[in-house]
């Protein structure tokens, strides 16, 4: 009987050792996968932070460009209004062919003078 118990004990110890080895191997594998996942998370967090900074920069540039466009449009409107006023004044001053001729002569005299 003690021989049977010894044999059974050895078999149980062997199974236990195999189970522990299998558990240890699986545990290491899971730890390795966890470390990779944590590295990926860190990498994506860094990319996200960089993208956020880049987005803020581009939004700032966009805002500046919008302001510049608005300012340029306003300048264009002012120039257009001034051009209309000037054209309107000239049309009022040049009611006759004589007025047009006089204006042209005055311009020619100034250029030559």
N, C-alpha and C. Protein backbone atom coordinates (compact mmCIF):
# COMPACT_ATOMS: atom_id res chain seq x y z
N UNK A 1 0.79 -1.19 0.00
CA UNK A 1 0.00 0.00 0.00
C UNK A 1 0.85 1.27 0.00
N UNK A 2 1.85 1.38 0.85
CA UNK A 2 2.66 2.58 0.84
C UNK A 2 3.28 2.82 -0.54
N UNK A 3 3.53 1.77 -1.28
CA UNK A 3 4.10 1.92 -2.61
C UNK A 3 3.10 2.61 -3.54
N UNK A 4 1.85 2.25 -3.43
CA UNK A 4 0.78 2.85 -4.24
C UNK A 4 0.64 4.33 -3.86
N UNK A 5 0.70 4.61 -2.57
CA UNK A 5 0.61 6.01 -2.13
C UNK A 5 1.79 6.83 -2.65
N UNK A 6 2.97 6.25 -2.59
CA UNK A 6 4.16 6.96 -3.09
C UNK A 6 4.03 7.26 -4.58
N UNK A 7 3.58 6.27 -5.30
CA UNK A 7 3.40 6.43 -6.74
C UNK A 7 2.33 7.50 -7.04
N UNK A 8 1.24 7.44 -6.33
CA UNK A 8 0.16 8.42 -6.51
C UNK A 8 0.65 9.81 -6.14
N UNK A 9 1.42 9.90 -5.07
CA UNK A 9 1.96 11.19 -4.64
C UNK A 9 2.90 11.76 -5.70
N UNK A 10 3.74 10.92 -6.29
CA UNK A 10 4.65 11.36 -7.35
C UNK A 10 3.88 11.85 -8.57
N UNK A 11 2.85 11.11 -8.94
CA UNK A 11 2.03 11.50 -10.09
C UNK A 11 1.33 12.84 -9.83
N UNK A 12 0.81 12.98 -8.62
CA UNK A 12 0.16 14.24 -8.26
C UNK A 12 1.16 15.40 -8.25
N UNK A 13 2.34 15.15 -7.70
CA UNK A 13 3.39 16.17 -7.69
C UNK A 13 3.81 16.54 -9.12
N UNK A 14 3.90 15.53 -9.98
CA UNK A 14 4.27 15.78 -11.38
C UNK A 14 3.17 16.60 -12.08
N UNK A 15 1.92 16.23 -11.87
CA UNK A 15 0.80 16.98 -12.46
C UNK A 15 0.78 18.42 -11.92
N UNK A 16 1.02 18.53 -10.63
CA UNK A 16 1.06 19.86 -10.00
C UNK A 16 2.19 20.71 -10.61
N UNK A 17 3.35 20.11 -10.79
CA UNK A 17 4.49 20.82 -11.39
C UNK A 17 4.17 21.24 -12.82
N UNK A 18 3.54 20.34 -13.58
CA UNK A 18 3.17 20.66 -14.96
C UNK A 18 2.13 21.80 -14.99
N UNK A 19 1.18 21.72 -14.07
CA UNK A 19 0.15 22.77 -14.00
C UNK A 19 0.79 24.11 -13.62
N UNK A 20 1.72 24.09 -12.67
CA UNK A 20 2.41 25.32 -12.27
C UNK A 20 3.24 25.88 -13.43
N UNK A 21 3.92 25.00 -14.17
CA UNK A 21 4.71 25.41 -15.31
C UNK A 21 3.81 26.04 -16.39
N UNK A 22 2.68 25.39 -16.64
CA UNK A 22 1.72 25.90 -17.62
C UNK A 22 1.17 27.26 -17.16
N UNK A 23 0.84 27.35 -15.88
CA UNK A 23 0.33 28.60 -15.32
C UNK A 23 1.38 29.71 -15.44
N UNK A 24 2.64 29.41 -15.09
CA UNK A 24 3.72 30.39 -15.15
C UNK A 24 3.93 30.87 -16.59
N UNK A 25 3.91 29.92 -17.53
CA UNK A 25 4.08 30.26 -18.94
C UNK A 25 2.94 31.18 -19.41
N UNK A 26 1.71 30.83 -19.06
CA UNK A 26 0.55 31.63 -19.44
C UNK A 26 0.63 33.02 -18.78
N UNK A 27 1.04 33.05 -17.52
CA UNK A 27 1.16 34.31 -16.78
C UNK A 27 2.19 35.23 -17.46
N UNK A 28 3.33 34.68 -17.86
CA UNK A 28 4.36 35.47 -18.54
C UNK A 28 3.85 36.00 -19.88
N UNK A 29 3.13 35.14 -20.59
CA UNK A 29 2.56 35.54 -21.88
C UNK A 29 1.58 36.71 -21.70
N UNK A 30 0.73 36.61 -20.69
CA UNK A 30 -0.23 37.68 -20.42
C UNK A 30 0.47 38.97 -19.98
N UNK A 31 1.53 38.83 -19.18
CA UNK A 31 2.29 40.01 -18.76
C UNK A 31 2.94 40.69 -19.96
N UNK A 32 3.45 39.87 -20.89
CA UNK A 32 4.07 40.41 -22.10
C UNK A 32 3.03 41.16 -22.94
N UNK A 33 1.84 40.57 -23.10
CA UNK A 33 0.76 41.21 -23.86
C UNK A 33 0.31 42.50 -23.17
N UNK A 34 0.24 42.47 -21.85
CA UNK A 34 -0.14 43.66 -21.09
C UNK A 34 0.88 44.78 -21.29
N UNK A 35 2.16 44.43 -21.25
CA UNK A 35 3.22 45.44 -21.44
C UNK A 35 3.11 46.05 -22.84
N UNK A 36 2.84 45.21 -23.86
CA UNK A 36 2.68 45.73 -25.22
C UNK A 36 1.47 46.66 -25.30
N UNK A 37 0.38 46.26 -24.67
CA UNK A 37 -0.83 47.08 -24.67
C UNK A 37 -0.58 48.42 -23.98
N UNK A 38 0.14 48.40 -22.87
CA UNK A 38 0.46 49.65 -22.16
C UNK A 38 1.34 50.55 -23.01
N UNK A 39 2.30 49.94 -23.74
CA UNK A 39 3.15 50.73 -24.65
C UNK A 39 2.31 51.37 -25.75
N UNK A 40 1.36 50.60 -26.29
CA UNK A 40 0.47 51.14 -27.32
C UNK A 40 -0.37 52.30 -26.78
N UNK A 41 -0.87 52.13 -25.57
CA UNK A 41 -1.66 53.20 -24.95
C UNK A 41 -0.81 54.46 -24.80
N UNK A 42 0.41 54.30 -24.32
CA UNK A 42 1.31 55.45 -24.17
C UNK A 42 1.57 56.12 -25.52
N UNK A 43 1.81 55.27 -26.54
CA UNK A 43 2.07 55.79 -27.88
C UNK A 43 0.87 56.56 -28.41
N UNK A 44 -0.33 55.99 -28.25
CA UNK A 44 -1.54 56.67 -28.74
C UNK A 44 -1.84 57.93 -27.95
N UNK A 45 -1.57 57.92 -26.66
CA UNK A 45 -1.77 59.13 -25.85
C UNK A 45 -0.84 60.24 -26.33
N UNK A 46 0.40 59.88 -26.65
CA UNK A 46 1.36 60.87 -27.14
C UNK A 46 0.92 61.41 -28.51
N UNK A 47 0.48 60.48 -29.39
CA UNK A 47 0.00 60.91 -30.71
C UNK A 47 -1.21 61.82 -30.57
N UNK A 48 -2.09 61.48 -29.65
CA UNK A 48 -3.29 62.28 -29.42
C UNK A 48 -2.90 63.68 -28.93
N UNK A 49 -1.96 63.75 -28.01
CA UNK A 49 -1.51 65.05 -27.49
C UNK A 49 -0.87 65.87 -28.61
N UNK A 50 -0.05 65.21 -29.44
CA UNK A 50 0.57 65.92 -30.57
C UNK A 50 -0.48 66.41 -31.55
N UNK A 51 -1.46 65.55 -31.84
CA UNK A 51 -2.53 65.94 -32.77
C UNK A 51 -3.34 67.10 -32.21
N UNK A 52 -3.56 67.08 -30.90
CA UNK A 52 -4.30 68.16 -30.26
C UNK A 52 -3.55 69.48 -30.39
N UNK A 53 -2.24 69.44 -30.15
CA UNK A 53 -1.41 70.65 -30.30
C UNK A 53 -1.43 71.13 -31.74
N UNK A 54 -1.30 70.19 -32.67
CA UNK A 54 -1.31 70.54 -34.09
C UNK A 54 -2.66 71.15 -34.48
N UNK A 55 -3.74 70.58 -33.96
CA UNK A 55 -5.07 71.11 -34.24
C UNK A 55 -5.21 72.54 -33.72
N UNK A 56 -4.74 72.78 -32.50
CA UNK A 56 -4.81 74.13 -31.93
C UNK A 56 -4.02 75.12 -32.78
N UNK A 57 -2.85 74.70 -33.22
CA UNK A 57 -2.01 75.56 -34.06
C UNK A 57 -2.73 75.89 -35.37
N UNK A 58 -3.31 74.85 -35.98
CA UNK A 58 -4.01 75.06 -37.25
C UNK A 58 -5.26 75.91 -37.06
N UNK A 59 -5.94 75.74 -35.94
CA UNK A 59 -7.11 76.58 -35.67
C UNK A 59 -6.70 78.04 -35.49
N UNK A 60 -5.57 78.26 -34.86
CA UNK A 60 -5.04 79.62 -34.67
C UNK A 60 -4.70 80.23 -36.03
N UNK A 61 -4.03 79.45 -36.88
CA UNK A 61 -3.68 79.92 -38.22
C UNK A 61 -4.95 80.23 -39.00
N UNK A 62 -5.94 79.35 -38.90
CA UNK A 62 -7.21 79.57 -39.59
C UNK A 62 -7.87 80.86 -39.12
N UNK A 63 -7.86 81.09 -37.82
CA UNK A 63 -8.43 82.32 -37.28
C UNK A 63 -7.71 83.55 -37.81
N UNK A 64 -6.37 83.48 -37.86
CA UNK A 64 -5.59 84.60 -38.39
C UNK A 64 -5.91 84.84 -39.86
N UNK A 65 -6.03 83.75 -40.62
CA UNK A 65 -6.35 83.89 -42.05
C UNK A 65 -7.74 84.47 -42.25
N UNK A 66 -8.69 84.05 -41.40
CA UNK A 66 -10.04 84.61 -41.50
C UNK A 66 -10.03 86.11 -41.21
N UNK A 67 -9.28 86.51 -40.18
CA UNK A 67 -9.17 87.94 -39.86
C UNK A 67 -8.54 88.71 -41.01
N UNK A 68 -7.47 88.12 -41.57
CA UNK A 68 -6.79 88.78 -42.69
C UNK A 68 -7.72 88.89 -43.90
N UNK A 69 -8.48 87.84 -44.17
CA UNK A 69 -9.44 87.87 -45.28
C UNK A 69 -10.50 88.93 -45.04
N UNK A 70 -11.01 88.97 -43.83
CA UNK A 70 -12.03 89.97 -43.50
C UNK A 70 -11.48 91.38 -43.67
N UNK A 71 -10.27 91.59 -43.19
CA UNK A 71 -9.63 92.91 -43.31
C UNK A 71 -9.42 93.27 -44.78
N UNK A 72 -8.95 92.31 -45.56
CA UNK A 72 -8.73 92.55 -46.99
C UNK A 72 -10.04 92.85 -47.70
N UNK A 73 -11.08 92.10 -47.35
CA UNK A 73 -12.40 92.35 -47.93
C UNK A 73 -12.89 93.75 -47.58
N UNK A 74 -12.67 94.16 -46.35
CA UNK A 74 -13.08 95.50 -45.91
C UNK A 74 -12.31 96.57 -46.68
N UNK A 75 -11.01 96.36 -46.84
CA UNK A 75 -10.20 97.31 -47.61
C UNK A 75 -10.70 97.38 -49.05
N UNK A 76 -11.03 96.23 -49.61
CA UNK A 76 -11.54 96.19 -50.98
C UNK A 76 -12.86 96.96 -51.08
N UNK A 77 -13.75 96.77 -50.12
CA UNK A 77 -15.03 97.49 -50.12
C UNK A 77 -14.80 99.01 -50.06
N UNK A 78 -13.88 99.43 -49.19
CA UNK A 78 -13.57 100.86 -49.06
C UNK A 78 -13.03 101.40 -50.39
N UNK A 79 -12.11 100.66 -51.00
CA UNK A 79 -11.55 101.09 -52.28
C UNK A 79 -12.64 101.16 -53.35
N UNK A 80 -13.51 100.18 -53.33
CA UNK A 80 -14.61 100.14 -54.30
C UNK A 80 -15.53 101.35 -54.11
N UNK A 81 -15.85 101.66 -52.85
CA UNK A 81 -16.69 102.83 -52.58
C UNK A 81 -16.00 104.13 -53.00
N UNK A 82 -14.71 104.23 -52.72
CA UNK A 82 -13.96 105.42 -53.12
C UNK A 82 -13.92 105.54 -54.64
N UNK A 83 -13.75 104.41 -55.31
CA UNK A 83 -13.73 104.43 -56.77
C UNK A 83 -15.08 104.87 -57.32
N UNK A 84 -16.15 104.42 -56.71
CA UNK A 84 -17.49 104.83 -57.15
C UNK A 84 -17.69 106.33 -56.93
N UNK A 85 -17.24 106.84 -55.79
CA UNK A 85 -17.37 108.26 -55.50
C UNK A 85 -16.58 109.09 -56.51
N UNK A 86 -15.35 108.63 -56.78
CA UNK A 86 -14.50 109.33 -57.74
C UNK A 86 -15.15 109.32 -59.11
N UNK A 87 -15.66 108.18 -59.53
CA UNK A 87 -16.34 108.08 -60.82
C UNK A 87 -17.57 108.97 -60.83
N UNK A 88 -18.29 108.96 -59.74
CA UNK A 88 -19.49 109.79 -59.64
C UNK A 88 -19.12 111.28 -59.73
N UNK A 89 -18.07 111.70 -59.04
CA UNK A 89 -17.62 113.10 -59.09
C UNK A 89 -17.20 113.48 -60.50
N UNK A 90 -16.46 112.59 -61.15
CA UNK A 90 -16.01 112.89 -62.51
C UNK A 90 -17.20 113.01 -63.45
N UNK A 91 -18.17 112.14 -63.28
CA UNK A 91 -19.33 112.20 -64.17
C UNK A 91 -20.11 113.48 -63.94
N UNK A 92 -20.14 113.95 -62.71
CA UNK A 92 -20.82 115.22 -62.41
C UNK A 92 -20.03 116.38 -63.01
N UNK A 93 -18.73 116.34 -62.90
CA UNK A 93 -17.89 117.43 -63.40
C UNK A 93 -17.84 117.46 -64.93
N UNK A 94 -18.01 116.32 -65.54
CA UNK A 94 -17.88 116.23 -66.99
C UNK A 94 -19.24 116.12 -67.65
N UNK A 95 -20.00 117.17 -67.56
CA UNK A 95 -21.33 117.14 -68.16
C UNK A 95 -21.30 117.47 -69.65
N UNK A 96 -20.20 118.05 -70.09
CA UNK A 96 -20.15 118.40 -71.51
C UNK A 96 -18.84 117.94 -72.11
N UNK A 97 -18.79 117.94 -73.41
CA UNK A 97 -17.57 117.55 -74.11
C UNK A 97 -16.44 118.52 -73.81
N UNK A 98 -16.75 119.76 -73.60
CA UNK A 98 -15.75 120.77 -73.25
C UNK A 98 -15.11 120.46 -71.90
N UNK A 99 -15.94 120.05 -70.95
CA UNK A 99 -15.40 119.69 -69.63
C UNK A 99 -14.44 118.51 -69.75
N UNK A 100 -14.82 117.53 -70.54
CA UNK A 100 -13.96 116.35 -70.72
C UNK A 100 -12.66 116.78 -71.37
N UNK A 101 -12.73 117.61 -72.37
CA UNK A 101 -11.53 118.09 -73.07
C UNK A 101 -10.65 118.90 -72.13
N UNK A 102 -11.25 119.75 -71.34
CA UNK A 102 -10.48 120.55 -70.39
C UNK A 102 -9.77 119.68 -69.37
N UNK A 103 -10.46 118.66 -68.90
CA UNK A 103 -9.84 117.76 -67.92
C UNK A 103 -8.66 117.05 -68.53
N UNK A 104 -8.83 116.57 -69.75
CA UNK A 104 -7.74 115.87 -70.41
C UNK A 104 -6.56 116.81 -70.65
N UNK A 105 -6.84 118.03 -71.04
CA UNK A 105 -5.77 118.99 -71.27
C UNK A 105 -5.03 119.31 -69.97
N UNK A 106 -5.77 119.44 -68.91
CA UNK A 106 -5.14 119.72 -67.62
C UNK A 106 -4.25 118.56 -67.20
N UNK A 107 -4.71 117.36 -67.43
CA UNK A 107 -3.91 116.19 -67.08
C UNK A 107 -2.65 116.15 -67.92
N UNK A 108 -2.78 116.47 -69.22
CA UNK A 108 -1.62 116.48 -70.10
C UNK A 108 -0.63 117.56 -69.69
N UNK A 109 -1.13 118.74 -69.32
CA UNK A 109 -0.26 119.83 -68.88
C UNK A 109 0.50 119.47 -67.61
N UNK A 110 -0.16 118.81 -66.69
CA UNK A 110 0.50 118.41 -65.44
C UNK A 110 1.59 117.38 -65.72
N UNK A 111 1.31 116.46 -66.63
CA UNK A 111 2.30 115.44 -66.95
C UNK A 111 3.52 116.05 -67.65
N UNK A 112 3.29 117.02 -68.50
CA UNK A 112 4.39 117.66 -69.22
C UNK A 112 5.16 118.65 -68.36
N UNK A 113 4.44 119.29 -67.40
CA UNK A 113 4.96 120.38 -66.60
C UNK A 113 6.04 119.99 -65.69
